[in-house]
PDB file of all heavy atoms in Angstrom:
ATOM      1  N   GLU A   1     122.292 -63.611 -41.168  1.00  0.00           N
ATOM      2  CA  GLU A   1     121.441 -64.777 -41.426  1.00  0.00           C
ATOM      3  C   GLU A   1     120.106 -64.489 -40.717  1.00  0.00           C
ATOM      4  O   GLU A   1     120.039 -63.866 -39.661  1.00  0.00           O
ATOM      5  CB  GLU A   1     122.133 -66.077 -40.854  1.00  0.00           C
ATOM      6  CG  GLU A   1     123.324 -66.509 -41.675  1.00  0.00           C
ATOM      7  CD  GLU A   1     123.818 -67.878 -41.204  1.00  0.00           C
ATOM      8  OE1 GLU A   1     123.188 -68.399 -40.265  1.00  0.00           O
ATOM      9  OE2 GLU A   1     124.811 -68.264 -41.768  1.00  0.00           O
ATOM     10  N   GLU A   2     119.043 -65.170 -41.197  1.00  0.00           N
ATOM     11  CA  GLU A   2     117.732 -65.011 -40.552  1.00  0.00           C
ATOM     12  C   GLU A   2     117.766 -65.650 -39.215  1.00  0.00           C
ATOM     13  O   GLU A   2     118.278 -66.796 -39.011  1.00  0.00           O
ATOM     14  CB  GLU A   2     116.683 -65.600 -41.425  1.00  0.00           C
ATOM     15  CG  GLU A   2     115.296 -65.451 -40.893  1.00  0.00           C
ATOM     16  CD  GLU A   2     114.150 -66.190 -41.767  1.00  0.00           C
ATOM     17  OE1 GLU A   2     114.196 -67.324 -41.872  1.00  0.00           O
ATOM     18  OE2 GLU A   2     113.458 -65.447 -42.349  1.00  0.00           O
ATOM     19  N   PRO A   3     117.225 -64.993 -38.133  1.00  0.00           N
ATOM     20  CA  PRO A   3     117.295 -65.550 -36.886  1.00  0.00           C
ATOM     21  C   PRO A   3     116.274 -66.796 -36.833  1.00  0.00           C
ATOM     22  O   PRO A   3     115.521 -67.045 -37.647  1.00  0.00           O
ATOM     23  CB  PRO A   3     116.711 -64.389 -35.917  1.00  0.00           C
ATOM     24  CG  PRO A   3     115.976 -63.563 -36.871  1.00  0.00           C
ATOM     25  CD  PRO A   3     116.686 -63.641 -38.173  1.00  0.00           C
ATOM     26  N   GLU A   4     116.465 -67.573 -35.652  1.00  0.00           N
ATOM     27  CA  GLU A   4     115.693 -68.802 -35.589  1.00  0.00           C
ATOM     28  C   GLU A   4     114.198 -68.460 -35.405  1.00  0.00           C
ATOM     29  O   GLU A   4     113.352 -69.260 -35.965  1.00  0.00           O
ATOM     30  CB  GLU A   4     116.234 -69.554 -34.369  1.00  0.00           C
ATOM     31  CG  GLU A   4     115.492 -70.894 -34.180  1.00  0.00           C
ATOM     32  CD  GLU A   4     116.095 -71.649 -32.997  1.00  0.00           C
ATOM     33  OE1 GLU A   4     117.077 -71.239 -32.476  1.00  0.00           O
ATOM     34  OE2 GLU A   4     115.542 -72.780 -32.572  1.00  0.00           O
ATOM     35  N   THR A   5     113.894 -67.462 -34.708  1.00  0.00           N
ATOM     36  CA  THR A   5     112.413 -67.094 -34.572  1.00  0.00           C
ATOM     37  C   THR A   5     112.277 -65.633 -34.933  1.00  0.00           C
ATOM     38  O   THR A   5     112.071 -64.772 -34.141  1.00  0.00           O
ATOM     39  CB  THR A   5     111.996 -67.306 -33.063  1.00  0.00           C
ATOM     40  OG1 THR A   5     112.865 -66.527 -32.244  1.00  0.00           O
ATOM     41  CG2 THR A   5     111.935 -68.722 -32.731  1.00  0.00           C
ATOM     42  N   PRO A   6     112.251 -65.268 -36.239  1.00  0.00           N
ATOM     43  CA  PRO A   6     112.139 -63.993 -36.739  1.00  0.00           C
ATOM     44  C   PRO A   6     110.826 -63.345 -36.540  1.00  0.00           C
ATOM     45  O   PRO A   6     109.763 -64.055 -36.631  1.00  0.00           O
ATOM     46  CB  PRO A   6     112.472 -64.040 -38.261  1.00  0.00           C
ATOM     47  CG  PRO A   6     111.978 -65.484 -38.616  1.00  0.00           C
ATOM     48  CD  PRO A   6     112.379 -66.329 -37.424  1.00  0.00           C
ATOM     49  N   ALA A   7     110.718 -62.136 -36.271  1.00  0.00           N
ATOM     50  CA  ALA A   7     109.527 -61.376 -36.032  1.00  0.00           C
ATOM     51  C   ALA A   7     108.962 -61.074 -37.453  1.00  0.00           C
ATOM     52  O   ALA A   7     109.690 -60.780 -38.445  1.00  0.00           O
ATOM     53  CB  ALA A   7     109.740 -60.070 -35.358  1.00  0.00           C
ATOM     54  N   PRO A   8     107.611 -60.947 -37.647  1.00  0.00           N
ATOM     55  CA  PRO A   8     107.064 -60.592 -38.980  1.00  0.00           C
ATOM     56  C   PRO A   8     107.461 -59.107 -39.250  1.00  0.00           C
ATOM     57  O   PRO A   8     107.346 -58.248 -38.441  1.00  0.00           O
ATOM     58  CB  PRO A   8     105.570 -60.687 -38.734  1.00  0.00           C
ATOM     59  CG  PRO A   8     105.469 -61.661 -37.612  1.00  0.00           C
ATOM     60  CD  PRO A   8     106.572 -61.359 -36.749  1.00  0.00           C
ATOM     61  N   VAL A   9     107.931 -58.880 -40.465  1.00  0.00           N
ATOM     62  CA  VAL A   9     108.329 -57.618 -40.925  1.00  0.00           C
ATOM     63  C   VAL A   9     107.581 -57.142 -42.201  1.00  0.00           C
ATOM     64  O   VAL A   9     107.579 -57.811 -43.159  1.00  0.00           O
ATOM     65  CB  VAL A   9     109.857 -57.490 -41.263  1.00  0.00           C
ATOM     66  CG1 VAL A   9     110.304 -56.164 -41.696  1.00  0.00           C
ATOM     67  CG2 VAL A   9     110.650 -57.841 -39.911  1.00  0.00           C
ATOM     68  N   LEU A  10     107.006 -55.963 -42.179  1.00  0.00           N
ATOM     69  CA  LEU A  10     106.194 -55.422 -43.313  1.00  0.00           C
ATOM     70  C   LEU A  10     107.155 -54.387 -43.980  1.00  0.00           C
ATOM     71  O   LEU A  10     107.507 -53.388 -43.405  1.00  0.00           O
ATOM     72  CB  LEU A  10     104.959 -54.817 -42.816  1.00  0.00           C
ATOM     73  CG  LEU A  10     104.088 -53.976 -43.860  1.00  0.00           C
ATOM     74  CD1 LEU A  10     103.648 -55.134 -44.946  1.00  0.00           C
ATOM     75  CD2 LEU A  10     102.962 -53.320 -43.346  1.00  0.00           C
ATOM     76  N   GLN A  11     107.494 -54.652 -45.200  1.00  0.00           N
ATOM     77  CA  GLN A  11     108.265 -53.684 -46.002  1.00  0.00           C
ATOM     78  C   GLN A  11     107.363 -52.660 -46.606  1.00  0.00           C
ATOM     79  O   GLN A  11     106.321 -52.948 -47.178  1.00  0.00           O
ATOM     80  CB  GLN A  11     109.020 -54.485 -47.137  1.00  0.00           C
ATOM     81  CG  GLN A  11     109.993 -55.562 -46.602  1.00  0.00           C
ATOM     82  CD  GLN A  11     111.104 -55.017 -45.820  1.00  0.00           C
ATOM     83  OE1 GLN A  11     111.490 -53.780 -45.957  1.00  0.00           O
ATOM     84  NE2 GLN A  11     111.692 -55.807 -44.876  1.00  0.00           N
ATOM     85  N   LEU A  12     107.771 -51.347 -46.513  1.00  0.00           N
ATOM     86  CA  LEU A  12     106.949 -50.261 -46.948  1.00  0.00           C
ATOM     87  C   LEU A  12     107.429 -49.833 -48.349  1.00  0.00           C
ATOM     88  O   LEU A  12     108.650 -49.660 -48.582  1.00  0.00           O
ATOM     89  CB  LEU A  12     106.975 -49.133 -46.010  1.00  0.00           C
ATOM     90  CG  LEU A  12     106.482 -49.493 -44.565  1.00  0.00           C
ATOM     91  CD1 LEU A  12     106.440 -48.185 -43.725  1.00  0.00           C
ATOM     92  CD2 LEU A  12     105.083 -50.145 -44.548  1.00  0.00           C
ATOM     93  N   ALA A  13     106.460 -49.550 -49.320  1.00  0.00           N
ATOM     94  CA  ALA A  13     106.866 -49.045 -50.559  1.00  0.00           C
ATOM     95  C   ALA A  13     106.935 -47.548 -50.574  1.00  0.00           C
ATOM     96  O   ALA A  13     106.436 -46.898 -49.603  1.00  0.00           O
ATOM     97  CB  ALA A  13     105.759 -49.584 -51.555  1.00  0.00           C
ATOM     98  N   ALA A  14     107.352 -46.943 -51.677  1.00  0.00           N
ATOM     99  CA  ALA A  14     107.496 -45.488 -51.766  1.00  0.00           C
ATOM    100  C   ALA A  14     106.066 -44.900 -51.693  1.00  0.00           C
ATOM    101  O   ALA A  14     105.166 -45.516 -52.154  1.00  0.00           O
ATOM    102  CB  ALA A  14     108.169 -45.164 -53.079  1.00  0.00           C
ATOM    103  N   ALA A  15     106.009 -43.667 -51.218  1.00  0.00           N
ATOM    104  CA  ALA A  15     104.663 -43.031 -51.045  1.00  0.00           C
ATOM    105  C   ALA A  15     104.122 -42.815 -52.335  1.00  0.00           C
ATOM    106  O   ALA A  15     104.776 -42.536 -53.454  1.00  0.00           O
ATOM    107  CB  ALA A  15     104.969 -41.715 -50.346  1.00  0.00           C
ATOM    108  N   GLU A  16     102.762 -42.859 -52.482  1.00  0.00           N
ATOM    109  CA  GLU A  16     101.940 -42.575 -53.644  1.00  0.00           C
ATOM    110  C   GLU A  16     101.085 -41.343 -53.414  1.00  0.00           C
ATOM    111  O   GLU A  16     100.808 -40.915 -52.370  1.00  0.00           O
ATOM    112  CB  GLU A  16     101.037 -43.773 -53.961  1.00  0.00           C
ATOM    113  CG  GLU A  16     101.805 -44.975 -54.244  1.00  0.00           C
ATOM    114  CD  GLU A  16     100.848 -46.238 -54.414  1.00  0.00           C
ATOM    115  OE1 GLU A  16      99.689 -46.016 -54.240  1.00  0.00           O
ATOM    116  OE2 GLU A  16     101.335 -47.286 -54.779  1.00  0.00           O
ATOM    117  N   ASP A  17     100.712 -40.727 -54.487  1.00  0.00           N
ATOM    118  CA  ASP A  17      99.877 -39.464 -54.405  1.00  0.00           C
ATOM    119  C   ASP A  17      98.601 -39.787 -53.647  1.00  0.00           C
ATOM    120  O   ASP A  17      98.123 -39.018 -52.734  1.00  0.00           O
ATOM    121  CB  ASP A  17      99.580 -38.902 -55.719  1.00  0.00           C
ATOM    122  CG  ASP A  17     100.800 -38.364 -56.425  1.00  0.00           C
ATOM    123  OD1 ASP A  17     101.787 -38.088 -55.746  1.00  0.00           O
ATOM    124  OD2 ASP A  17     100.828 -38.231 -57.698  1.00  0.00           O
ATOM    125  N   ASP A  18      97.922 -40.898 -54.005  1.00  0.00           N
ATOM    126  CA  ASP A  18      96.717 -41.346 -53.373  1.00  0.00           C
ATOM    127  C   ASP A  18      96.927 -41.599 -51.907  1.00  0.00           C
ATOM    128  O   ASP A  18      96.055 -41.313 -51.068  1.00  0.00           O
ATOM    129  CB  ASP A  18      96.168 -42.557 -54.012  1.00  0.00           C
ATOM    130  CG  ASP A  18      95.693 -42.249 -55.390  1.00  0.00           C
ATOM    131  OD1 ASP A  18      95.472 -41.060 -55.769  1.00  0.00           O
ATOM    132  OD2 ASP A  18      95.441 -43.282 -56.159  1.00  0.00           O
ATOM    133  N   ALA A  19      98.121 -42.126 -51.540  1.00  0.00           N
ATOM    134  CA  ALA A  19      98.299 -42.483 -50.181  1.00  0.00           C
ATOM    135  C   ALA A  19      98.400 -41.192 -49.395  1.00  0.00           C
ATOM    136  O   ALA A  19      97.856 -41.080 -48.215  1.00  0.00           O
ATOM    137  CB  ALA A  19      99.634 -43.266 -50.060  1.00  0.00           C
ATOM    138  N   HIS A  20      99.105 -40.171 -49.842  1.00  0.00           N
ATOM    139  CA  HIS A  20      99.306 -38.854 -49.155  1.00  0.00           C
ATOM    140  C   HIS A  20      97.865 -38.198 -48.984  1.00  0.00           C
ATOM    141  O   HIS A  20      97.480 -37.583 -48.025  1.00  0.00           O
ATOM    142  CB  HIS A  20     100.180 -37.911 -49.921  1.00  0.00           C
ATOM    143  CG  HIS A  20     101.616 -38.256 -49.705  1.00  0.00           C
ATOM    144  ND1 HIS A  20     102.295 -38.168 -48.490  1.00  0.00           N
ATOM    145  CD2 HIS A  20     102.583 -38.793 -50.689  1.00  0.00           C
ATOM    146  CE1 HIS A  20     103.511 -38.588 -48.625  1.00  0.00           C
ATOM    147  NE2 HIS A  20     103.698 -38.923 -49.913  1.00  0.00           N
ATOM    148  N   GLY A  21      97.001 -38.374 -50.053  1.00  0.00           N
ATOM    149  CA  GLY A  21      95.731 -37.751 -49.920  1.00  0.00           C
ATOM    150  C   GLY A  21      94.814 -38.494 -48.909  1.00  0.00           C
ATOM    151  O   GLY A  21      94.150 -37.790 -48.120  1.00  0.00           O
ATOM    152  N   ALA A  22      95.075 -39.844 -48.800  1.00  0.00           N
ATOM    153  CA  ALA A  22      94.306 -40.535 -47.707  1.00  0.00           C
ATOM    154  C   ALA A  22      94.755 -40.106 -46.348  1.00  0.00           C
ATOM    155  O   ALA A  22      93.982 -39.966 -45.435  1.00  0.00           O
ATOM    156  CB  ALA A  22      94.407 -41.995 -47.907  1.00  0.00           C
ATOM    157  N   ALA A  23      96.100 -39.895 -46.201  1.00  0.00           N
ATOM    158  CA  ALA A  23      96.558 -39.511 -44.893  1.00  0.00           C
ATOM    159  C   ALA A  23      96.151 -38.093 -44.424  1.00  0.00           C
ATOM    160  O   ALA A  23      96.095 -37.878 -43.277  1.00  0.00           O
ATOM    161  CB  ALA A  23      98.071 -39.633 -44.945  1.00  0.00           C
ATOM    162  N   GLY A  24      95.878 -37.248 -45.477  1.00  0.00           N
ATOM    163  CA  GLY A  24      95.577 -35.904 -45.010  1.00  0.00           C
ATOM    164  C   GLY A  24      94.044 -35.566 -45.256  1.00  0.00           C
ATOM    165  O   GLY A  24      93.677 -34.352 -45.246  1.00  0.00           O
ATOM    166  N   SER A  25      93.221 -36.616 -45.512  1.00  0.00           N
ATOM    167  CA  SER A  25      91.774 -36.383 -45.797  1.00  0.00           C
ATOM    168  C   SER A  25      90.956 -36.219 -44.593  1.00  0.00           C
ATOM    169  O   SER A  25      91.409 -36.324 -43.426  1.00  0.00           O
ATOM    170  CB  SER A  25      91.258 -37.536 -46.700  1.00  0.00           C
ATOM    171  OG  SER A  25      91.385 -38.753 -45.914  1.00  0.00           O
ATOM    172  N   SER A  26      89.631 -36.064 -44.765  1.00  0.00           N
ATOM    173  CA  SER A  26      88.772 -35.954 -43.572  1.00  0.00           C
ATOM    174  C   SER A  26      88.576 -37.290 -42.926  1.00  0.00           C
ATOM    175  O   SER A  26      88.893 -38.306 -43.467  1.00  0.00           O
ATOM    176  CB  SER A  26      87.405 -35.404 -44.179  1.00  0.00           C
ATOM    177  OG  SER A  26      86.837 -36.280 -44.916  1.00  0.00           O
ATOM    178  N   ASP A  27      87.844 -37.238 -41.719  1.00  0.00           N
ATOM    179  CA  ASP A  27      87.625 -38.383 -41.013  1.00  0.00           C
ATOM    180  C   ASP A  27      86.605 -39.362 -41.846  1.00  0.00           C
ATOM    181  O   ASP A  27      86.841 -40.617 -41.786  1.00  0.00           O
ATOM    182  CB  ASP A  27      86.946 -38.054 -39.602  1.00  0.00           C
ATOM    183  CG  ASP A  27      87.896 -37.365 -38.780  1.00  0.00           C
ATOM    184  OD1 ASP A  27      89.127 -37.477 -38.971  1.00  0.00           O
ATOM    185  OD2 ASP A  27      87.331 -36.615 -37.859  1.00  0.00           O
ATOM    186  N   ALA A  28      85.730 -38.760 -42.450  1.00  0.00           N
ATOM    187  CA  ALA A  28      84.743 -39.607 -43.235  1.00  0.00           C
ATOM    188  C   ALA A  28      85.441 -40.401 -44.375  1.00  0.00           C
ATOM    189  O   ALA A  28      85.273 -41.493 -44.531  1.00  0.00           O
ATOM    190  CB  ALA A  28      83.660 -38.696 -43.934  1.00  0.00           C
ATOM    191  N   LYS A  29      86.360 -39.712 -44.995  1.00  0.00           N
ATOM    192  CA  LYS A  29      87.095 -40.323 -46.128  1.00  0.00           C
ATOM    193  C   LYS A  29      88.009 -41.421 -45.499  1.00  0.00           C
ATOM    194  O   LYS A  29      88.198 -42.485 -46.178  1.00  0.00           O
ATOM    195  CB  LYS A  29      88.010 -39.355 -46.895  1.00  0.00           C
ATOM    196  CG  LYS A  29      88.771 -39.989 -48.067  1.00  0.00           C
ATOM    197  CD  LYS A  29      89.474 -38.886 -48.798  1.00  0.00           C
ATOM    198  CE  LYS A  29      90.142 -39.446 -50.037  1.00  0.00           C
ATOM    199  NZ  LYS A  29      90.858 -38.460 -50.805  1.00  0.00           N
ATOM    200  N   ALA A  30      88.529 -41.262 -44.385  1.00  0.00           N
ATOM    201  CA  ALA A  30      89.440 -42.252 -43.742  1.00  0.00           C
ATOM    202  C   ALA A  30      88.590 -43.476 -43.394  1.00  0.00           C
ATOM    203  O   ALA A  30      89.043 -44.654 -43.546  1.00  0.00           O
ATOM    204  CB  ALA A  30      90.104 -41.681 -42.459  1.00  0.00           C
ATOM    205  N   GLU A  31      87.356 -43.218 -42.931  1.00  0.00           N
ATOM    206  CA  GLU A  31      86.501 -44.430 -42.553  1.00  0.00           C
ATOM    207  C   GLU A  31      86.094 -45.160 -43.819  1.00  0.00           C
ATOM    208  O   GLU A  31      86.102 -46.410 -43.825  1.00  0.00           O
ATOM    209  CB  GLU A  31      85.282 -43.956 -41.882  1.00  0.00           C
ATOM    210  CG  GLU A  31      85.514 -43.373 -40.473  1.00  0.00           C
ATOM    211  CD  GLU A  31      84.240 -42.760 -39.795  1.00  0.00           C
ATOM    212  OE1 GLU A  31      83.254 -42.832 -40.476  1.00  0.00           O
ATOM    213  OE2 GLU A  31      84.303 -42.270 -38.708  1.00  0.00           O
ATOM    214  N   ASP A  32      85.896 -44.490 -44.863  1.00  0.00           N
ATOM    215  CA  ASP A  32      85.547 -45.155 -46.169  1.00  0.00           C
ATOM    216  C   ASP A  32      86.705 -45.938 -46.654  1.00  0.00           C
ATOM    217  O   ASP A  32      86.609 -47.047 -47.149  1.00  0.00           O
ATOM    218  CB  ASP A  32      85.247 -44.156 -47.249  1.00  0.00           C
ATOM    219  CG  ASP A  32      83.862 -43.419 -46.962  1.00  0.00           C
ATOM    220  OD1 ASP A  32      83.090 -44.046 -46.208  1.00  0.00           O
ATOM    221  OD2 ASP A  32      83.566 -42.391 -47.589  1.00  0.00           O
ATOM    222  N   THR A  33      87.923 -45.399 -46.582  1.00  0.00           N
ATOM    223  CA  THR A  33      89.150 -46.155 -46.878  1.00  0.00           C
ATOM    224  C   THR A  33      89.258 -47.458 -46.096  1.00  0.00           C
ATOM    225  O   THR A  33      89.597 -48.485 -46.659  1.00  0.00           O
ATOM    226  CB  THR A  33      90.432 -45.313 -46.656  1.00  0.00           C
ATOM    227  OG1 THR A  33      90.225 -44.115 -47.427  1.00  0.00           O
ATOM    228  CG2 THR A  33      91.638 -46.052 -47.193  1.00  0.00           C
ATOM    229  N   GLY A  34      89.051 -47.345 -44.848  1.00  0.00           N
ATOM    230  CA  GLY A  34      89.185 -48.521 -44.011  1.00  0.00           C
ATOM    231  C   GLY A  34      88.094 -49.556 -44.378  1.00  0.00           C
ATOM    232  O   GLY A  34      88.421 -50.776 -44.331  1.00  0.00           O
ATOM    233  N   ALA A  35      86.841 -49.194 -44.646  1.00  0.00           N
ATOM    234  CA  ALA A  35      85.847 -50.106 -45.044  1.00  0.00           C
ATOM    235  C   ALA A  35      86.164 -50.741 -46.384  1.00  0.00           C
ATOM    236  O   ALA A  35      86.037 -52.004 -46.525  1.00  0.00           O
ATOM    237  CB  ALA A  35      84.522 -49.364 -45.199  1.00  0.00           C
ATOM    238  N   ASP A  36      86.669 -50.009 -47.360  1.00  0.00           N
ATOM    239  CA  ASP A  36      87.053 -50.604 -48.657  1.00  0.00           C
ATOM    240  C   ASP A  36      88.144 -51.571 -48.403  1.00  0.00           C
ATOM    241  O   ASP A  36      88.213 -52.710 -49.002  1.00  0.00           O
ATOM    242  CB  ASP A  36      87.549 -49.495 -49.542  1.00  0.00           C
ATOM    243  CG  ASP A  36      86.450 -48.632 -50.011  1.00  0.00           C
ATOM    244  OD1 ASP A  36      85.269 -49.046 -49.842  1.00  0.00           O
ATOM    245  OD2 ASP A  36      86.697 -47.475 -50.542  1.00  0.00           O
ATOM    246  N   ALA A  37      89.109 -51.303 -47.471  1.00  0.00           N
ATOM    247  CA  ALA A  37      90.236 -52.239 -47.287  1.00  0.00           C
ATOM    248  C   ALA A  37      89.732 -53.490 -46.715  1.00  0.00           C
ATOM    249  O   ALA A  37      90.241 -54.581 -47.028  1.00  0.00           O
ATOM    250  CB  ALA A  37      91.280 -51.526 -46.399  1.00  0.00           C
ATOM    251  N   GLN A  38      88.717 -53.431 -45.793  1.00  0.00           N
ATOM    252  CA  GLN A  38      88.251 -54.601 -45.129  1.00  0.00           C
ATOM    253  C   GLN A  38      87.531 -55.498 -46.202  1.00  0.00           C
ATOM    254  O   GLN A  38      87.582 -56.662 -46.226  1.00  0.00           O
ATOM    255  CB  GLN A  38      87.334 -54.294 -44.048  1.00  0.00           C
ATOM    256  CG  GLN A  38      88.026 -53.845 -42.752  1.00  0.00           C
ATOM    257  CD  GLN A  38      87.021 -53.693 -41.601  1.00  0.00           C
ATOM    258  OE1 GLN A  38      85.973 -53.067 -41.779  1.00  0.00           O
ATOM    259  NE2 GLN A  38      87.339 -54.253 -40.477  1.00  0.00           N
ATOM    260  N   ASN A  39      86.776 -54.855 -47.186  1.00  0.00           N
ATOM    261  CA  ASN A  39      86.104 -55.612 -48.219  1.00  0.00           C
ATOM    262  C   ASN A  39      87.160 -56.283 -49.103  1.00  0.00           C
ATOM    263  O   ASN A  39      87.002 -57.441 -49.470  1.00  0.00           O
ATOM    264  CB  ASN A  39      85.252 -54.628 -49.057  1.00  0.00           C
ATOM    265  CG  ASN A  39      84.079 -54.249 -48.280  1.00  0.00           C
ATOM    266  OD1 ASN A  39      83.589 -54.790 -47.325  1.00  0.00           O
ATOM    267  ND2 ASN A  39      83.523 -52.997 -48.732  1.00  0.00           N
ATOM    268  N   THR A  40      88.274 -55.669 -49.400  1.00  0.00           N
ATOM    269  CA  THR A  40      89.362 -56.212 -50.162  1.00  0.00           C
ATOM    270  C   THR A  40      89.890 -57.422 -49.383  1.00  0.00           C
ATOM    271  O   THR A  40      90.193 -58.464 -49.999  1.00  0.00           O
ATOM    272  CB  THR A  40      90.475 -55.211 -50.394  1.00  0.00           C
ATOM    273  OG1 THR A  40      89.911 -54.130 -51.095  1.00  0.00           O
ATOM    274  CG2 THR A  40      91.528 -55.889 -51.163  1.00  0.00           C
ATOM    275  N   ALA A  41      90.058 -57.316 -48.092  1.00  0.00           N
ATOM    276  CA  ALA A  41      90.553 -58.431 -47.308  1.00  0.00           C
ATOM    277  C   ALA A  41      89.590 -59.647 -47.310  1.00  0.00           C
ATOM    278  O   ALA A  41      90.041 -60.809 -47.362  1.00  0.00           O
ATOM    279  CB  ALA A  41      90.715 -57.988 -45.799  1.00  0.00           C
ATOM    280  N   ALA A  42      88.305 -59.371 -47.277  1.00  0.00           N
ATOM    281  CA  ALA A  42      87.326 -60.495 -47.361  1.00  0.00           C
ATOM    282  C   ALA A  42      87.449 -61.261 -48.702  1.00  0.00           C
ATOM    283  O   ALA A  42      87.445 -62.545 -48.653  1.00  0.00           O
ATOM    284  CB  ALA A  42      85.933 -59.947 -47.062  1.00  0.00           C
TER     285      ALA A  42
END
């Protein structure tokens, strides 16, 4: 049963080709990815 005060849990999906590319890309590409993600959040 779910505890009385459960911690937030993020479920992870299966790896994607783009995801692996982002993980192994250059620093510049990683910064671009973070910026795009922030725009999506806004």
